[in-house]
C-alpha atoms as a PDB file:
ATOM      1  CA  UNK A   1      42.237 209.117 -78.465  1.00  0.00           C
ATOM      2  CA  UNK A   2      44.018 208.897 -75.036  1.00  0.00           C
ATOM      3  CA  UNK A   3      47.312 206.587 -75.356  1.00  0.00           C
ATOM      4  CA  UNK A   4      46.762 203.011 -74.122  1.00  0.00           C
ATOM      5  CA  UNK A   5      46.288 203.137 -70.073  1.00  0.00           C
ATOM      6  CA  UNK A   6      48.242 199.840 -69.313  1.00  0.00           C
ATOM      7  CA  UNK A   7      52.123 199.639 -69.837  1.00  0.00           C
ATOM      8  CA  UNK A   8      53.327 197.449 -72.922  1.00  0.00           C
ATOM      9  CA  UNK A   9      55.385 195.500 -70.670  1.00  0.00           C
ATOM     10  CA  UNK A  10      52.157 194.346 -69.404  1.00  0.00           C
ATOM     11  CA  UNK A  11      51.168 190.508 -70.461  1.00  0.00           C
ATOM     12  CA  UNK A  12      47.937 188.378 -70.174  1.00  0.00           C
ATOM     13  CA  UNK A  13      49.650 187.287 -66.536  1.00  0.00           C
ATOM     14  CA  UNK A  14      50.985 190.522 -65.121  1.00  0.00           C
ATOM     15  CA  UNK A  15      47.887 192.596 -66.325  1.00  0.00           C
ATOM     16  CA  UNK A  16      46.377 191.413 -62.964  1.00  0.00           C
ATOM     17  CA  UNK A  17      48.733 193.682 -61.029  1.00  0.00           C
ATOM     18  CA  UNK A  18      48.105 196.543 -63.771  1.00  0.00           C
ATOM     19  CA  UNK A  19      44.150 195.675 -63.050  1.00  0.00           C
ATOM     20  CA  UNK A  20      44.372 195.475 -59.434  1.00  0.00           C
ATOM     21  CA  UNK A  21      46.493 198.608 -59.221  1.00  0.00           C
ATOM     22  CA  UNK A  22      43.813 200.939 -61.573  1.00  0.00           C
ATOM     23  CA  UNK A  23      40.949 199.438 -60.018  1.00  0.00           C
ATOM     24  CA  UNK A  24      41.852 200.171 -56.501  1.00  0.00           C
ATOM     25  CA  UNK A  25      42.539 204.023 -58.016  1.00  0.00           C
ATOM     26  CA  UNK A  26      39.405 204.066 -59.564  1.00  0.00           C
ATOM     27  CA  UNK A  27      37.357 202.267 -56.944  1.00  0.00           C
ATOM     28  CA  UNK A  28      39.229 202.432 -53.690  1.00  0.00           C
ATOM     29  CA  UNK A  29      36.644 200.307 -51.935  1.00  0.00           C
ATOM     30  CA  UNK A  30      37.098 197.158 -54.245  1.00  0.00           C
ATOM     31  CA  UNK A  31      37.917 194.032 -52.590  1.00  0.00           C
ATOM     32  CA  UNK A  32      41.536 193.786 -54.085  1.00  0.00           C
ATOM     33  CA  UNK A  33      42.395 189.917 -52.349  1.00  0.00           C
ATOM     34  CA  UNK A  34      38.878 188.876 -53.850  1.00  0.00           C
ATOM     35  CA  UNK A  35      39.697 190.399 -57.357  1.00  0.00           C
ATOM     36  CA  UNK A  36      43.450 188.769 -57.035  1.00  0.00           C
ATOM     37  CA  UNK A  37      41.881 185.560 -56.350  1.00  0.00           C
ATOM     38  CA  UNK A  38      39.042 185.700 -59.100  1.00  0.00           C
ATOM     39  CA  UNK A  39      41.394 187.387 -61.898  1.00  0.00           C
ATOM     40  CA  UNK A  40      44.437 185.001 -61.213  1.00  0.00           C
ATOM     41  CA  UNK A  41      42.155 181.745 -61.196  1.00  0.00           C
ATOM     42  CA  UNK A  42      40.854 182.694 -64.439  1.00  0.00           C
ATOM     43  CA  UNK A  43      43.796 183.641 -66.055  1.00  0.00           C
ATOM     44  CA  UNK A  44      46.043 180.784 -64.816  1.00  0.00           C
ATOM     45  CA  UNK A  45      43.224 178.156 -65.787  1.00  0.00           C
ATOM     46  CA  UNK A  46      42.646 179.984 -68.971  1.00  0.00           C
ATOM     47  CA  UNK A  47      46.609 179.630 -69.686  1.00  0.00           C
ATOM     48  CA  UNK A  48      46.567 175.736 -68.534  1.00  0.00           C
ATOM     49  CA  UNK A  49      43.574 175.104 -71.063  1.00  0.00           C
ATOM     50  CA  UNK A  50      45.293 176.765 -73.937  1.00  0.00           C
ATOM     51  CA  UNK A  51      48.668 174.984 -72.883  1.00  0.00           C
ATOM     52  CA  UNK A  52      47.001 171.508 -73.062  1.00  0.00           C
ATOM     53  CA  UNK A  53      44.416 172.312 -75.636  1.00  0.00           C
ATOM     54  CA  UNK A  54      47.752 173.400 -77.961  1.00  0.00           C
ATOM     55  CA  UNK A  55      50.182 170.661 -77.068  1.00  0.00           C
ATOM     56  CA  UNK A  56      47.664 167.860 -76.486  1.00  0.00           C
ATOM     57  CA  UNK A  57      44.073 167.953 -77.680  1.00  0.00           C
ATOM     58  CA  UNK A  58      44.657 170.023 -81.112  1.00  0.00           C
ATOM     59  CA  UNK A  59      48.011 167.338 -81.901  1.00  0.00           C
ATOM     60  CA  UNK A  60      45.176 164.625 -81.746  1.00  0.00           C
ATOM     61  CA  UNK A  61      42.384 166.259 -83.451  1.00  0.00           C
ATOM     62  CA  UNK A  62      39.920 167.331 -81.201  1.00  0.00           C
ATOM     63  CA  UNK A  63      38.904 170.352 -78.896  1.00  0.00           C
ATOM     64  CA  UNK A  64      39.342 170.870 -75.204  1.00  0.00           C
ATOM     65  CA  UNK A  65      35.614 170.344 -74.901  1.00  0.00           C
ATOM     66  CA  UNK A  66      35.943 167.067 -77.201  1.00  0.00           C
ATOM     67  CA  UNK A  67      38.718 165.759 -74.677  1.00  0.00           C
ATOM     68  CA  UNK A  68      36.602 166.413 -71.612  1.00  0.00           C
ATOM     69  CA  UNK A  69      33.341 164.697 -72.786  1.00  0.00           C
ATOM     70  CA  UNK A  70      35.681 161.791 -74.116  1.00  0.00           C
ATOM     71  CA  UNK A  71      37.543 161.659 -70.897  1.00  0.00           C
ATOM     72  CA  UNK A  72      34.018 161.831 -68.725  1.00  0.00           C
ATOM     73  CA  UNK A  73      32.574 158.856 -70.531  1.00  0.00           C
ATOM     74  CA  UNK A  74      35.834 157.074 -70.255  1.00  0.00           C
ATOM     75  CA  UNK A  75      35.294 157.647 -66.552  1.00  0.00           C
ATOM     76  CA  UNK A  76      31.908 157.334 -65.954  1.00  0.00           C
ATOM     77  CA  UNK A  77      30.920 154.883 -68.883  1.00  0.00           C
ATOM     78  CA  UNK A  78      27.811 155.582 -71.140  1.00  0.00           C
ATOM     79  CA  UNK A  79      25.360 158.358 -70.061  1.00  0.00           C
ATOM     80  CA  UNK A  80      22.723 159.874 -71.111  1.00  0.00           C
ATOM     81  CA  UNK A  81      23.531 163.608 -73.127  1.00  0.00           C
ATOM     82  CA  UNK A  82      21.863 165.339 -70.332  1.00  0.00           C
ATOM     83  CA  UNK A  83      23.911 163.543 -67.615  1.00  0.00           C
ATOM     84  CA  UNK A  84      27.396 164.136 -69.829  1.00  0.00           C
ATOM     85  CA  UNK A  85      26.503 167.801 -70.033  1.00  0.00           C
ATOM     86  CA  UNK A  86      26.160 167.423 -66.237  1.00  0.00           C
ATOM     87  CA  UNK A  87      29.366 166.074 -65.792  1.00  0.00           C
ATOM     88  CA  UNK A  88      31.390 167.896 -68.102  1.00  0.00           C
ATOM     89  CA  UNK A  89      29.921 171.463 -67.174  1.00  0.00           C
ATOM     90  CA  UNK A  90      28.771 171.594 -70.817  1.00  0.00           C
ATOM     91  CA  UNK A  91      25.231 172.726 -71.941  1.00  0.00           C
ATOM     92  CA  UNK A  92      22.869 169.678 -73.325  1.00  0.00           C
ATOM     93  CA  UNK A  93      23.303 171.628 -76.816  1.00  0.00           C
ATOM     94  CA  UNK A  94      27.211 171.527 -76.852  1.00  0.00           C
ATOM     95  CA  UNK A  95      27.022 168.207 -76.111  1.00  0.00           C
ATOM     96  CA  UNK A  96      24.618 167.084 -78.586  1.00  0.00           C
ATOM     97  CA  UNK A  97      26.404 168.993 -81.049  1.00  0.00           C
ATOM     98  CA  UNK A  98      30.041 167.856 -79.968  1.00  0.00           C
ATOM     99  CA  UNK A  99      28.542 163.739 -79.874  1.00  0.00           C
ATOM    100  CA  UNK A 100      27.459 164.265 -83.652  1.00  0.00           C
ATOM    101  CA  UNK A 101      31.291 165.056 -84.622  1.00  0.00           C
ATOM    102  CA  UNK A 102      32.640 162.701 -82.273  1.00  0.00           C
ATOM    103  CA  UNK A 103      30.490 159.630 -83.730  1.00  0.00           C
ATOM    104  CA  UNK A 104      31.042 160.675 -87.199  1.00  0.00           C
ATOM    105  CA  UNK A 105      34.578 160.273 -86.453  1.00  0.00           C
ATOM    106  CA  UNK A 106      34.130 156.807 -84.787  1.00  0.00           C
ATOM    107  CA  UNK A 107      35.196 157.824 -81.375  1.00  0.00           C
ATOM    108  CA  UNK A 108      31.399 157.735 -80.001  1.00  0.00           C
ATOM    109  CA  UNK A 109      28.788 155.326 -80.450  1.00  0.00           C
ATOM    110  CA  UNK A 110      24.971 156.530 -79.648  1.00  0.00           C
ATOM    111  CA  UNK A 111      22.866 153.610 -78.365  1.00  0.00           C
ATOM    112  CA  UNK A 112      19.600 152.990 -77.312  1.00  0.00           C
ATOM    113  CA  UNK A 113      19.408 152.725 -73.212  1.00  0.00           C
ATOM    114  CA  UNK A 114      18.084 149.586 -71.593  1.00  0.00           C
ATOM    115  CA  UNK A 115      15.554 151.046 -69.754  1.00  0.00           C
ATOM    116  CA  UNK A 116      13.947 153.287 -71.872  1.00  0.00           C
ATOM    117  CA  UNK A 117      14.720 152.639 -75.504  1.00  0.00           C
ATOM    118  CA  UNK A 118      13.942 156.156 -76.658  1.00  0.00           C
ATOM    119  CA  UNK A 119      16.631 157.160 -74.267  1.00  0.00           C
ATOM    120  CA  UNK A 120      20.282 157.545 -76.080  1.00  0.00           C
ATOM    121  CA  UNK A 121      23.699 156.567 -74.239  1.00  0.00           C
ATOM    122  CA  UNK A 122      26.978 158.158 -75.281  1.00  0.00           C
ATOM    123  CA  UNK A 123      29.869 155.728 -74.832  1.00  0.00           C
ATOM    124  CA  UNK A 124      33.041 155.373 -76.048  1.00  0.00           C
ATOM    125  CA  UNK A 125      34.177 153.064 -78.931  1.00  0.00           C
ATOM    126  CA  UNK A 126      37.091 151.022 -78.836  1.00  0.00           C
ATOM    127  CA  UNK A 127      38.944 153.378 -80.869  1.00  0.00           C
ATOM    128  CA  UNK A 128      37.683 155.992 -78.979  1.00  0.00           C
ATOM    129  CA  UNK A 129      38.628 154.129 -75.737  1.00  0.00           C
ATOM    130  CA  UNK A 130      42.446 154.086 -77.000  1.00  0.00           C
ATOM    131  CA  UNK A 131      42.857 157.671 -78.704  1.00  0.00           C
ATOM    132  CA  UNK A 132      41.515 158.850 -75.269  1.00  0.00           C
ATOM    133  CA  UNK A 133      44.018 156.982 -73.393  1.00  0.00           C
ATOM    134  CA  UNK A 134      46.773 157.882 -75.552  1.00  0.00           C
ATOM    135  CA  UNK A 135      46.240 161.210 -75.517  1.00  0.00           C
ATOM    136  CA  UNK A 136      45.615 161.316 -71.629  1.00  0.00           C
ATOM    137  CA  UNK A 137      48.778 160.006 -71.340  1.00  0.00           C
ATOM    138  CA  UNK A 138      50.619 163.261 -73.126  1.00  0.00           C
ATOM    139  CA  UNK A 139      47.880 165.476 -71.345  1.00  0.00           C
ATOM    140  CA  UNK A 140      48.890 163.982 -67.667  1.00  0.00           C
ATOM    141  CA  UNK A 141      52.373 164.775 -68.731  1.00  0.00           C
ATOM    142  CA  UNK A 142      51.428 168.113 -69.159  1.00  0.00           C
ATOM    143  CA  UNK A 143      49.661 168.080 -66.003  1.00  0.00           C
ATOM    144  CA  UNK A 144      52.682 166.792 -64.418  1.00  0.00           C
ATOM    145  CA  UNK A 145      54.939 169.627 -66.059  1.00  0.00           C
ATOM    146  CA  UNK A 146      52.344 172.194 -64.391  1.00  0.00           C
ATOM    147  CA  UNK A 147      52.239 170.420 -60.966  1.00  0.00           C
ATOM    148  CA  UNK A 148      56.282 170.466 -61.270  1.00  0.00           C
ATOM    149  CA  UNK A 149      56.004 174.253 -60.666  1.00  0.00           C
ATOM    150  CA  UNK A 150      55.256 173.709 -56.854  1.00  0.00           C
ATOM    151  CA  UNK A 151      56.843 172.129 -54.110  1.00  0.00           C
ATOM    152  CA  UNK A 152      55.043 169.215 -52.958  1.00  0.00           C
ATOM    153  CA  UNK A 153      53.353 171.293 -50.071  1.00  0.00           C
ATOM    154  CA  UNK A 154      52.474 174.043 -52.039  1.00  0.00           C
ATOM    155  CA  UNK A 155      50.504 171.550 -54.793  1.00  0.00           C
ATOM    156  CA  UNK A 156      48.929 169.634 -51.791  1.00  0.00           C
ATOM    157  CA  UNK A 157      47.777 173.035 -50.063  1.00  0.00           C
ATOM    158  CA  UNK A 158      46.621 174.402 -53.936  1.00  0.00           C
ATOM    159  CA  UNK A 159      44.690 170.813 -54.391  1.00  0.00           C
ATOM    160  CA  UNK A 160      43.081 171.327 -50.797  1.00  0.00           C
ATOM    161  CA  UNK A 161      42.191 175.055 -51.446  1.00  0.00           C
ATOM    162  CA  UNK A 162      40.430 174.364 -55.098  1.00  0.00           C
ATOM    163  CA  UNK A 163      38.605 171.182 -53.611  1.00  0.00           C
ATOM    164  CA  UNK A 164      37.270 173.815 -50.925  1.00  0.00           C
ATOM    165  CA  UNK A 165      36.283 176.392 -53.371  1.00  0.00           C
ATOM    166  CA  UNK A 166      34.578 173.955 -55.310  1.00  0.00           C
ATOM    167  CA  UNK A 167      32.704 172.163 -52.686  1.00  0.00           C
ATOM    168  CA  UNK A 168      31.413 175.588 -51.454  1.00  0.00           C
ATOM    169  CA  UNK A 169      30.703 177.000 -54.721  1.00  0.00           C
ATOM    170  CA  UNK A 170      28.612 174.155 -55.438  1.00  0.00           C
ATOM    171  CA  UNK A 171      26.625 174.235 -52.271  1.00  0.00           C
ATOM    172  CA  UNK A 172      25.713 177.849 -52.612  1.00  0.00           C
ATOM    173  CA  UNK A 173      22.476 178.669 -54.621  1.00  0.00           C
ATOM    174  CA  UNK A 174      24.300 181.865 -56.092  1.00  0.00           C
ATOM    175  CA  UNK A 175      26.302 179.700 -58.628  1.00  0.00           C
ATOM    176  CA  UNK A 176      25.099 179.580 -62.044  1.00  0.00           C
ATOM    177  CA  UNK A 177      25.363 175.865 -63.034  1.00  0.00           C
ATOM    178  CA  UNK A 178      24.471 175.095 -66.415  1.00  0.00           C
ATOM    179  CA  UNK A 179      22.761 172.104 -66.434  1.00  0.00           C
END
C-alpha cells in the first residue's frame, strides 16, 4: 500500500489547495477557479453548519434540519408539508419524519387545512415559537461572529455574490431541486 498522497498537515479547509494542485497535475484541463469556488463554498458551508449545530442547535435539543424547519415555519407561518419541504430545501419524507418528532416534542402542531380538511398544516406551538426565538438569538450571535471575520465591504460583496449565484442557479433547469 502506498503512503497517503496528501500532506499530513492538510486539514479540512486547507485540503482544497492540495486537491486543486493534484487535480491540475493529473487532469491539466481542469477549470481550477471553478473547482476552487465549489470546493471552498462547500467546505466553508459545512464548517459553518457544523459550528452552528454544535454550539446552538444540539444544545437546544435538535438538529440543523429541525432548526431549519422550525425557523421556516416561524418565518412563513403554518405550511403544508410539501411547501415546508420546498422552503427548507428538504425532501417531503424528511419533513414528514421530522414533523412527527417535533410534534411529539410539543414544538409543532399538525392541524387540518381551512380550505381542505384532508390537508394538514404544520405550525409552531407557543412552546416551539419560544424555543425557536431563544435558539435563534444564539444562532444569530454565531452568525455575527462568522460575519465579523470579514470587513463590512467584503461581507456586502460576499452577500451580493451569493445572491447572484443563488438566483442564477434557481433559474437554470440543470439545477436539481428537491421538491
